[in-house]
């Protein structure tokens, strides 16, 4: 059985807490049996939400084949700049 991801744990926990508070406030129950039923229902709802969150973060577009690479390599700076780049060979770089 795979372990739950951080997103699944977070969504499930948030669902349990929020649904418990909402059901307790809306029902207005003070009896122990009513609170227990609401707690069990909230745990079930949290489990359902945690299981329906996708386990991996990849989308359908990420699973498609990668784009083919170009046949020719990209031009280097010496090829783009021409004779000026040749004059600078051997000189120290001013960039840091």
PDB file of N, CA and C in Angstrom:
ATOM      1  N   UNK A   1       0.852  -1.178   0.000  1.00  0.00           N
ATOM      2  CA  UNK A   1       0.000   0.000   0.000  1.00  0.00           C
ATOM      3  C   UNK A   1       0.901   1.245   0.000  1.00  0.00           C
ATOM      4  N   UNK A   2       0.709   2.153  -0.951  1.00  0.00           N
ATOM      5  CA  UNK A   2       1.559   3.346  -1.011  1.00  0.00           C
ATOM      6  C   UNK A   2       1.272   4.300   0.145  1.00  0.00           C
ATOM      7  N   UNK A   3       2.294   5.022   0.529  1.00  0.00           N
ATOM      8  CA  UNK A   3       2.146   5.991   1.614  1.00  0.00           C
ATOM      9  C   UNK A   3       1.447   7.245   1.099  1.00  0.00           C
ATOM     10  N   UNK A   4       0.666   7.902   1.946  1.00  0.00           N
ATOM     11  CA  UNK A   4      -0.017   9.128   1.492  1.00  0.00           C
ATOM     12  C   UNK A   4       0.978  10.266   1.317  1.00  0.00           C
ATOM     13  N   UNK A   5       0.695  11.115   0.360  1.00  0.00           N
ATOM     14  CA  UNK A   5       1.550  12.275   0.115  1.00  0.00           C
ATOM     15  C   UNK A   5       1.188  13.386   1.094  1.00  0.00           C
ATOM     16  N   UNK A   6       2.019  14.417   1.101  1.00  0.00           N
ATOM     17  CA  UNK A   6       1.771  15.555   1.991  1.00  0.00           C
ATOM     18  C   UNK A   6       0.462  16.260   1.616  1.00  0.00           C
ATOM     19  N   UNK A   7       0.165  16.324   0.341  1.00  0.00           N
ATOM     20  CA  UNK A   7      -1.087  16.968  -0.098  1.00  0.00           C
ATOM     21  C   UNK A   7      -2.298  16.177   0.380  1.00  0.00           C
ATOM     22  N   UNK A   8      -2.219  14.854   0.316  1.00  0.00           N
ATOM     23  CA  UNK A   8      -3.334  14.035   0.772  1.00  0.00           C
ATOM     24  C   UNK A   8      -3.561  14.207   2.274  1.00  0.00           C
ATOM     25  N   UNK A   9      -2.476  14.238   3.040  1.00  0.00           N
ATOM     26  CA  UNK A   9      -2.607  14.435   4.485  1.00  0.00           C
ATOM     27  C   UNK A   9      -3.180  15.814   4.813  1.00  0.00           C
ATOM     28  N   UNK A  10      -2.710  16.826   4.099  1.00  0.00           N
ATOM     29  CA  UNK A  10      -3.179  18.193   4.364  1.00  0.00           C
ATOM     30  C   UNK A  10      -4.659  18.353   4.020  1.00  0.00           C
ATOM     31  N   UNK A  11      -5.062  17.855   2.852  1.00  0.00           N
ATOM     32  CA  UNK A  11      -6.473  17.975   2.458  1.00  0.00           C
ATOM     33  C   UNK A  11      -7.385  17.174   3.389  1.00  0.00           C
ATOM     34  N   UNK A  12      -6.954  15.976   3.753  1.00  0.00           N
ATOM     35  CA  UNK A  12      -7.770  15.162   4.644  1.00  0.00           C
ATOM     36  C   UNK A  12      -7.925  15.790   6.023  1.00  0.00           C
ATOM     37  N   UNK A  13      -6.821  16.311   6.566  1.00  0.00           N
ATOM     38  CA  UNK A  13      -6.872  16.955   7.884  1.00  0.00           C
ATOM     39  C   UNK A  13      -7.743  18.205   7.863  1.00  0.00           C
ATOM     40  N   UNK A  14      -7.558  19.028   6.842  1.00  0.00           N
ATOM     41  CA  UNK A  14      -8.365  20.248   6.740  1.00  0.00           C
ATOM     42  C   UNK A  14      -9.847  19.913   6.597  1.00  0.00           C
ATOM     43  N   UNK A  15     -10.148  18.858   5.865  1.00  0.00           N
ATOM     44  CA  UNK A  15     -11.541  18.454   5.697  1.00  0.00           C
ATOM     45  C   UNK A  15     -12.147  17.991   7.011  1.00  0.00           C
ATOM     46  N   UNK A  16     -11.400  17.208   7.787  1.00  0.00           N
ATOM     47  CA  UNK A  16     -11.908  16.725   9.068  1.00  0.00           C
ATOM     48  C   UNK A  16     -12.179  17.893  10.009  1.00  0.00           C
ATOM     49  N   UNK A  17     -11.230  18.806  10.122  1.00  0.00           N
ATOM     50  CA  UNK A  17     -11.378  19.927  11.057  1.00  0.00           C
ATOM     51  C   UNK A  17     -12.542  20.831  10.643  1.00  0.00           C
ATOM     52  N   UNK A  18     -12.544  21.226   9.382  1.00  0.00           N
ATOM     53  CA  UNK A  18     -13.586  22.160   8.916  1.00  0.00           C
ATOM     54  C   UNK A  18     -14.977  21.531   8.951  1.00  0.00           C
ATOM     55  N   UNK A  19     -15.085  20.280   8.511  1.00  0.00           N
ATOM     56  CA  UNK A  19     -16.408  19.652   8.502  1.00  0.00           C
ATOM     57  C   UNK A  19     -16.911  19.389   9.922  1.00  0.00           C
ATOM     58  N   UNK A  20     -16.013  19.050  10.848  1.00  0.00           N
ATOM     59  CA  UNK A  20     -16.437  18.858  12.236  1.00  0.00           C
ATOM     60  C   UNK A  20     -16.979  20.151  12.821  1.00  0.00           C
ATOM     61  N   UNK A  21     -16.233  21.230  12.644  1.00  0.00           N
ATOM     62  CA  UNK A  21     -16.699  22.526  13.164  1.00  0.00           C
ATOM     63  C   UNK A  21     -18.018  22.940  12.529  1.00  0.00           C
ATOM     64  N   UNK A  22     -18.125  22.783  11.217  1.00  0.00           N
ATOM     65  CA  UNK A  22     -19.345  23.196  10.531  1.00  0.00           C
ATOM     66  C   UNK A  22     -20.549  22.372  10.996  1.00  0.00           C
ATOM     67  N   UNK A  23     -20.370  21.062  11.103  1.00  0.00           N
ATOM     68  CA  UNK A  23     -21.513  20.231  11.520  1.00  0.00           C
ATOM     69  C   UNK A  23     -21.898  20.474  12.972  1.00  0.00           C
ATOM     70  N   UNK A  24     -20.903  20.708  13.837  1.00  0.00           N
ATOM     71  CA  UNK A  24     -21.235  20.997  15.236  1.00  0.00           C
ATOM     72  C   UNK A  24     -21.960  22.329  15.371  1.00  0.00           C
ATOM     73  N   UNK A  25     -21.523  23.327  14.619  1.00  0.00           N
ATOM     74  CA  UNK A  25     -22.173  24.637  14.692  1.00  0.00           C
ATOM     75  C   UNK A  25     -23.577  24.601  14.081  1.00  0.00           C
ATOM     76  N   UNK A  26     -23.733  23.883  12.992  1.00  0.00           N
ATOM     77  CA  UNK A  26     -25.040  23.836  12.332  1.00  0.00           C
ATOM     78  C   UNK A  26     -26.046  22.967  13.094  1.00  0.00           C
ATOM     79  N   UNK A  27     -25.578  21.892  13.704  1.00  0.00           N
ATOM     80  CA  UNK A  27     -26.519  21.009  14.388  1.00  0.00           C
ATOM     81  C   UNK A  27     -26.878  21.521  15.781  1.00  0.00           C
ATOM     82  N   UNK A  28     -25.941  22.168  16.447  1.00  0.00           N
ATOM     83  CA  UNK A  28     -26.201  22.688  17.784  1.00  0.00           C
ATOM     84  C   UNK A  28     -26.342  21.596  18.828  1.00  0.00           C
ATOM     85  N   UNK A  29     -25.845  20.426  18.554  1.00  0.00           N
ATOM     86  CA  UNK A  29     -25.984  19.311  19.495  1.00  0.00           C
ATOM     87  C   UNK A  29     -25.024  19.469  20.676  1.00  0.00           C
ATOM     88  N   UNK A  30     -25.465  19.014  21.847  1.00  0.00           N
ATOM     89  CA  UNK A  30     -24.621  19.016  23.034  1.00  0.00           C
ATOM     90  C   UNK A  30     -24.527  17.621  23.631  1.00  0.00           C
ATOM     91  N   UNK A  31     -25.240  16.691  23.071  1.00  0.00           N
ATOM     92  CA  UNK A  31     -25.229  15.317  23.569  1.00  0.00           C
ATOM     93  C   UNK A  31     -23.964  14.604  23.094  1.00  0.00           C
ATOM     94  N   UNK A  32     -23.466  13.714  23.927  1.00  0.00           N
ATOM     95  CA  UNK A  32     -22.247  12.980  23.596  1.00  0.00           C
ATOM     96  C   UNK A  32     -22.399  12.097  22.384  1.00  0.00           C
ATOM     97  N   UNK A  33     -23.562  11.476  22.233  1.00  0.00           N
ATOM     98  CA  UNK A  33     -23.800  10.615  21.086  1.00  0.00           C
ATOM     99  C   UNK A  33     -23.814  11.419  19.781  1.00  0.00           C
ATOM    100  N   UNK A  34     -24.409  12.592  19.794  1.00  0.00           N
ATOM    101  CA  UNK A  34     -24.445  13.449  18.605  1.00  0.00           C
ATOM    102  C   UNK A  34     -23.055  13.919  18.198  1.00  0.00           C
ATOM    103  N   UNK A  35     -22.241  14.261  19.193  1.00  0.00           N
ATOM    104  CA  UNK A  35     -20.871  14.707  18.905  1.00  0.00           C
ATOM    105  C   UNK A  35     -20.049  13.548  18.346  1.00  0.00           C
ATOM    106  N   UNK A  36     -20.254  12.346  18.882  1.00  0.00           N
ATOM    107  CA  UNK A  36     -19.533  11.171  18.379  1.00  0.00           C
ATOM    108  C   UNK A  36     -19.917  10.857  16.941  1.00  0.00           C
ATOM    109  N   UNK A  37     -21.195  10.963  16.627  1.00  0.00           N
ATOM    110  CA  UNK A  37     -21.656  10.702  15.251  1.00  0.00           C
ATOM    111  C   UNK A  37     -21.057  11.721  14.294  1.00  0.00           C
ATOM    112  N   UNK A  38     -21.045  12.974  14.700  1.00  0.00           N
ATOM    113  CA  UNK A  38     -20.473  14.026  13.851  1.00  0.00           C
ATOM    114  C   UNK A  38     -18.975  13.800  13.665  1.00  0.00           C
ATOM    115  N   UNK A  39     -18.280  13.410  14.726  1.00  0.00           N
ATOM    116  CA  UNK A  39     -16.846  13.140  14.610  1.00  0.00           C
ATOM    117  C   UNK A  39     -16.546  11.993  13.668  1.00  0.00           C
ATOM    118  N   UNK A  40     -17.324  10.922  13.759  1.00  0.00           N
ATOM    119  CA  UNK A  40     -17.128   9.772  12.867  1.00  0.00           C
ATOM    120  C   UNK A  40     -17.445  10.148  11.426  1.00  0.00           C
ATOM    121  N   UNK A  41     -18.497  10.938  11.217  1.00  0.00           N
ATOM    122  CA  UNK A  41     -18.840  11.383   9.864  1.00  0.00           C
ATOM    123  C   UNK A  41     -17.740  12.269   9.290  1.00  0.00           C
ATOM    124  N   UNK A  42     -17.167  13.134  10.123  1.00  0.00           N
ATOM    125  CA  UNK A  42     -16.087  14.010   9.655  1.00  0.00           C
ATOM    126  C   UNK A  42     -14.835  13.208   9.315  1.00  0.00           C
ATOM    127  N   UNK A  43     -14.531  12.192  10.115  1.00  0.00           N
ATOM    128  CA  UNK A  43     -13.381  11.343   9.802  1.00  0.00           C
ATOM    129  C   UNK A  43     -13.586  10.586   8.487  1.00  0.00           C
ATOM    130  N   UNK A  44     -14.786  10.090   8.272  1.00  0.00           N
ATOM    131  CA  UNK A  44     -15.085   9.414   7.004  1.00  0.00           C
ATOM    132  C   UNK A  44     -14.971  10.343   5.816  1.00  0.00           C
ATOM    133  N   UNK A  45     -15.476  11.555   5.987  1.00  0.00           N
ATOM    134  CA  UNK A  45     -15.378  12.539   4.899  1.00  0.00           C
ATOM    135  C   UNK A  45     -13.926  12.916   4.631  1.00  0.00           C
ATOM    136  N   UNK A  46     -13.134  13.070   5.684  1.00  0.00           N
ATOM    137  CA  UNK A  46     -11.715  13.380   5.508  1.00  0.00           C
ATOM    138  C   UNK A  46     -10.965  12.266   4.821  1.00  0.00           C
ATOM    139  N   UNK A  47     -11.290  11.031   5.149  1.00  0.00           N
ATOM    140  CA  UNK A  47     -10.669   9.883   4.489  1.00  0.00           C
ATOM    141  C   UNK A  47     -11.049   9.831   3.020  1.00  0.00           C
ATOM    142  N   UNK A  48     -12.300  10.105   2.725  1.00  0.00           N
ATOM    143  CA  UNK A  48     -12.751  10.125   1.332  1.00  0.00           C
ATOM    144  C   UNK A  48     -12.014  11.193   0.529  1.00  0.00           C
ATOM    145  N   UNK A  49     -11.880  12.380   1.101  1.00  0.00           N
ATOM    146  CA  UNK A  49     -11.177  13.462   0.400  1.00  0.00           C
ATOM    147  C   UNK A  49      -9.707  13.116   0.209  1.00  0.00           C
ATOM    148  N   UNK A  50      -9.068  12.558   1.229  1.00  0.00           N
ATOM    149  CA  UNK A  50      -7.651  12.216   1.131  1.00  0.00           C
ATOM    150  C   UNK A  50      -7.404  11.145   0.072  1.00  0.00           C
ATOM    151  N   UNK A  51      -8.332  10.227  -0.085  1.00  0.00           N
ATOM    152  CA  UNK A  51      -8.147   9.177  -1.081  1.00  0.00           C
ATOM    153  C   UNK A  51      -8.446   9.635  -2.498  1.00  0.00           C
ATOM    154  N   UNK A  52      -9.249  10.679  -2.655  1.00  0.00           N
ATOM    155  CA  UNK A  52      -9.582  11.137  -3.999  1.00  0.00           C
ATOM    156  C   UNK A  52      -8.586  12.161  -4.538  1.00  0.00           C
ATOM    157  N   UNK A  53      -7.723  12.715  -3.684  1.00  0.00           N
ATOM    158  CA  UNK A  53      -6.677  13.625  -4.165  1.00  0.00           C
ATOM    159  C   UNK A  53      -5.684  12.794  -4.965  1.00  0.00           C
ATOM    160  N   UNK A  54      -5.285  13.244  -6.158  1.00  0.00           N
ATOM    161  CA  UNK A  54      -4.339  12.450  -6.957  1.00  0.00           C
ATOM    162  C   UNK A  54      -3.038  12.225  -6.192  1.00  0.00           C
ATOM    163  N   UNK A  55      -2.524  11.001  -6.280  1.00  0.00           N
ATOM    164  CA  UNK A  55      -1.308  10.648  -5.543  1.00  0.00           C
ATOM    165  C   UNK A  55      -0.075  11.292  -6.148  1.00  0.00           C
ATOM    166  N   UNK A  56      -0.019  11.440  -7.459  1.00  0.00           N
ATOM    167  CA  UNK A  56       1.142  12.082  -8.066  1.00  0.00           C
ATOM    168  C   UNK A  56       0.737  13.428  -8.644  1.00  0.00           C
ATOM    169  N   UNK A  57       1.679  14.335  -8.702  1.00  0.00           N
ATOM    170  CA  UNK A  57       1.394  15.692  -9.149  1.00  0.00           C
ATOM    171  C   UNK A  57       1.459  15.889 -10.643  1.00  0.00           C
ATOM    172  N   UNK A  58       1.795  14.822 -11.395  1.00  0.00           N
ATOM    173  CA  UNK A  58       1.917  14.985 -12.842  1.00  0.00           C
ATOM    174  C   UNK A  58       0.552  15.035 -13.510  1.00  0.00           C
ATOM    175  N   UNK A  59       0.457  15.886 -14.507  1.00  0.00           N
ATOM    176  CA  UNK A  59      -0.779  15.993 -15.272  1.00  0.00           C
ATOM    177  C   UNK A  59      -0.666  15.159 -16.540  1.00  0.00           C
ATOM    178  N   UNK A  60      -1.723  15.129 -17.304  1.00  0.00           N
ATOM    179  CA  UNK A  60      -1.712  14.343 -18.542  1.00  0.00           C
ATOM    180  C   UNK A  60      -0.715  14.911 -19.541  1.00  0.00           C
ATOM    181  N   UNK A  61      -0.496  16.212 -19.544  1.00  0.00           N
ATOM    182  CA  UNK A  61       0.446  16.786 -20.496  1.00  0.00           C
ATOM    183  C   UNK A  61       1.882  16.449 -20.131  1.00  0.00           C
ATOM    184  N   UNK A  62       2.168  16.229 -18.866  1.00  0.00           N
ATOM    185  CA  UNK A  62       3.528  15.889 -18.457  1.00  0.00           C
ATOM    186  C   UNK A  62       3.875  14.453 -18.831  1.00  0.00           C
ATOM    187  N   UNK A  63       2.891  13.616 -19.068  1.00  0.00           N
ATOM    188  CA  UNK A  63       3.144  12.224 -19.416  1.00  0.00           C
ATOM    189  C   UNK A  63       3.347  12.010 -20.903  1.00  0.00           C
ATOM    190  N   UNK A  64       3.131  13.009 -21.717  1.00  0.00           N
ATOM    191  CA  UNK A  64       3.305  12.842 -23.149  1.00  0.00           C
ATOM    192  C   UNK A  64       4.792  12.792 -23.482  1.00  0.00           C
ATOM    193  N   UNK A  65       5.091  12.343 -24.678  1.00  0.00           N
ATOM    194  CA  UNK A  65       6.483  12.215 -25.101  1.00  0.00           C
ATOM    195  C   UNK A  65       7.118  13.596 -25.233  1.00  0.00           C
ATOM    196  N   UNK A  66       8.403  13.714 -24.899  1.00  0.00           N
ATOM    197  CA  UNK A  66       9.060  15.006 -25.018  1.00  0.00           C
ATOM    198  C   UNK A  66       9.243  15.389 -26.483  1.00  0.00           C
ATOM    199  N   UNK A  67       9.377  16.671 -26.707  1.00  0.00           N
ATOM    200  CA  UNK A  67       9.563  17.172 -28.071  1.00  0.00           C
ATOM    201  C   UNK A  67      10.921  16.720 -28.597  1.00  0.00           C
ATOM    202  N   UNK A  68      11.014  16.409 -29.903  1.00  0.00           N
ATOM    203  CA  UNK A  68      12.299  15.970 -30.453  1.00  0.00           C
ATOM    204  C   UNK A  68      13.318  17.111 -30.436  1.00  0.00           C
ATOM    205  N   UNK A  69      14.578  16.742 -30.267  1.00  0.00           N
ATOM    206  CA  UNK A  69      15.644  17.744 -30.249  1.00  0.00           C
ATOM    207  C   UNK A  69      16.007  18.144 -31.668  1.00  0.00           C
ATOM    208  N   UNK A  70      16.482  19.378 -31.856  1.00  0.00           N
ATOM    209  CA  UNK A  70      16.904  19.787 -33.195  1.00  0.00           C
ATOM    210  C   UNK A  70      18.149  19.012 -33.607  1.00  0.00           C
ATOM    211  N   UNK A  71      18.293  18.785 -34.921  1.00  0.00           N
ATOM    212  CA  UNK A  71      19.409  17.999 -35.443  1.00  0.00           C
ATOM    213  C   UNK A  71      20.734  18.762 -35.338  1.00  0.00           C
ATOM    214  N   UNK A  72      20.702  20.090 -35.446  1.00  0.00           N
ATOM    215  CA  UNK A  72      21.937  20.866 -35.394  1.00  0.00           C
ATOM    216  C   UNK A  72      22.061  21.535 -34.036  1.00  0.00           C
ATOM    217  N   UNK A  73      23.269  21.594 -33.493  1.00  0.00           N
ATOM    218  CA  UNK A  73      23.439  22.258 -32.196  1.00  0.00           C
ATOM    219  C   UNK A  73      23.276  23.767 -32.345  1.00  0.00           C
ATOM    220  N   UNK A  74      22.895  24.461 -31.285  1.00  0.00           N
ATOM    221  CA  UNK A  74      22.754  25.914 -31.373  1.00  0.00           C
ATOM    222  C   UNK A  74      24.112  26.585 -31.578  1.00  0.00           C
ATOM    223  N   UNK A  75      24.078  27.749 -32.180  1.00  0.00           N
ATOM    224  CA  UNK A  75      25.310  28.483 -32.479  1.00  0.00           C
ATOM    225  C   UNK A  75      25.956  28.969 -31.188  1.00  0.00           C
ATOM    226  N   UNK A  76      27.290  28.877 -31.126  1.00  0.00           N
ATOM    227  CA  UNK A  76      28.014  29.373 -29.957  1.00  0.00           C
ATOM    228  C   UNK A  76      28.225  30.870 -30.090  1.00  0.00           C
ATOM    229  N   UNK A  77      28.725  31.476 -29.041  1.00  0.00           N
ATOM    230  CA  UNK A  77      28.926  32.928 -29.083  1.00  0.00           C
ATOM    231  C   UNK A  77      29.990  33.311 -30.104  1.00  0.00           C
ATOM    232  N   UNK A  78      30.990  32.460 -30.328  1.00  0.00           N
ATOM    233  CA  UNK A  78      32.020  32.776 -31.322  1.00  0.00           C
ATOM    234  C   UNK A  78      31.441  32.731 -32.723  1.00  0.00           C
ATOM    235  N   UNK A  79      30.514  31.833 -32.977  1.00  0.00           N
ATOM    236  CA  UNK A  79      29.898  31.753 -34.297  1.00  0.00           C
ATOM    237  C   UNK A  79      28.966  32.926 -34.541  1.00  0.00           C
ATOM    238  N   UNK A  80      28.331  33.433 -33.505  1.00  0.00           N
ATOM    239  CA  UNK A  80      27.404  34.540 -33.680  1.00  0.00           C
ATOM    240  C   UNK A  80      28.123  35.865 -33.816  1.00  0.00           C
ATOM    241  N   UNK A  81      29.212  36.039 -33.088  1.00  0.00           N
ATOM    242  CA  UNK A  81      29.850  37.344 -33.043  1.00  0.00           C
ATOM    243  C   UNK A  81      30.854  37.567 -34.156  1.00  0.00           C
ATOM    244  N   UNK A  82      31.378  36.530 -34.738  1.00  0.00           N
ATOM    245  CA  UNK A  82      32.301  36.680 -35.847  1.00  0.00           C
ATOM    246  C   UNK A  82      33.703  37.025 -35.380  1.00  0.00           C
ATOM    247  N   UNK A  83      34.409  37.926 -36.110  1.00  0.00           N
ATOM    248  CA  UNK A  83      35.819  38.220 -35.835  1.00  0.00           C
ATOM    249  C   UNK A  83      36.031  38.905 -34.485  1.00  0.00           C
ATOM    250  N   UNK A  84      35.046  39.606 -33.986  1.00  0.00           N
ATOM    251  CA  UNK A  84      35.220  40.295 -32.707  1.00  0.00           C
ATOM    252  C   UNK A  84      35.431  39.301 -31.577  1.00  0.00           C
ATOM    253  N   UNK A  85      34.772  38.148 -31.647  1.00  0.00           N
ATOM    254  CA  UNK A  85      34.930  37.136 -30.604  1.00  0.00           C
ATOM    255  C   UNK A  85      36.331  36.538 -30.638  1.00  0.00           C
ATOM    256  N   UNK A  86      36.909  36.396 -31.855  1.00  0.00           N
ATOM    257  CA  UNK A  86      38.261  35.850 -31.978  1.00  0.00           C
ATOM    258  C   UNK A  86      39.288  36.795 -31.362  1.00  0.00           C
ATOM    259  N   UNK A  87      39.062  38.098 -31.414  1.00  0.00           N
ATOM    260  CA  UNK A  87      40.002  39.056 -30.857  1.00  0.00           C
ATOM    261  C   UNK A  87      40.003  39.009 -29.339  1.00  0.00           C
ATOM    262  N   UNK A  88      38.926  38.554 -28.744  1.00  0.00           N
ATOM    263  CA  UNK A  88      38.830  38.519 -27.293  1.00  0.00           C
ATOM    264  C   UNK A  88      39.334  37.232 -26.679  1.00  0.00           C
ATOM    265  N   UNK A  89      39.678  36.242 -27.481  1.00  0.00           N
ATOM    266  CA  UNK A  89      40.154  34.965 -26.944  1.00  0.00           C
ATOM    267  C   UNK A  89      41.475  35.193 -26.230  1.00  0.00           C
ATOM    268  N   UNK A  90      41.568  34.691 -25.012  1.00  0.00           N
ATOM    269  CA  UNK A  90      42.796  34.829 -24.236  1.00  0.00           C
ATOM    270  C   UNK A  90      42.765  36.000 -23.278  1.00  0.00           C
ATOM    271  N   UNK A  91      41.806  36.907 -23.423  1.00  0.00           N
ATOM    272  CA  UNK A  91      41.705  38.037 -22.514  1.00  0.00           C
ATOM    273  C   UNK A  91      40.872  37.626 -21.296  1.00  0.00           C
ATOM    274  N   UNK A  92      41.199  38.205 -20.135  1.00  0.00           N
ATOM    275  CA  UNK A  92      40.414  37.858 -18.941  1.00  0.00           C
ATOM    276  C   UNK A  92      38.983  38.394 -19.027  1.00  0.00           C
ATOM    277  N   UNK A  93      38.099  37.676 -18.411  1.00  0.00           N
ATOM    278  CA  UNK A  93      36.711  38.078 -18.403  1.00  0.00           C
ATOM    279  C   UNK A  93      36.465  39.097 -17.296  1.00  0.00           C
ATOM    280  N   UNK A  94      35.625  40.089 -17.576  1.00  0.00           N
ATOM    281  CA  UNK A  94      35.284  41.091 -16.585  1.00  0.00           C
ATOM    282  C   UNK A  94      34.030  40.709 -15.825  1.00  0.00           C
ATOM    283  N   UNK A  95      33.401  39.649 -16.209  1.00  0.00           N
ATOM    284  CA  UNK A  95      32.173  39.200 -15.543  1.00  0.00           C
ATOM    285  C   UNK A  95      32.523  38.385 -14.318  1.00  0.00           C
ATOM    286  N   UNK A  96      31.723  38.518 -13.303  1.00  0.00           N
ATOM    287  CA  UNK A  96      31.916  37.733 -12.076  1.00  0.00           C
ATOM    288  C   UNK A  96      30.668  37.007 -11.739  1.00  0.00           C
TER     289      UNK A  96
END
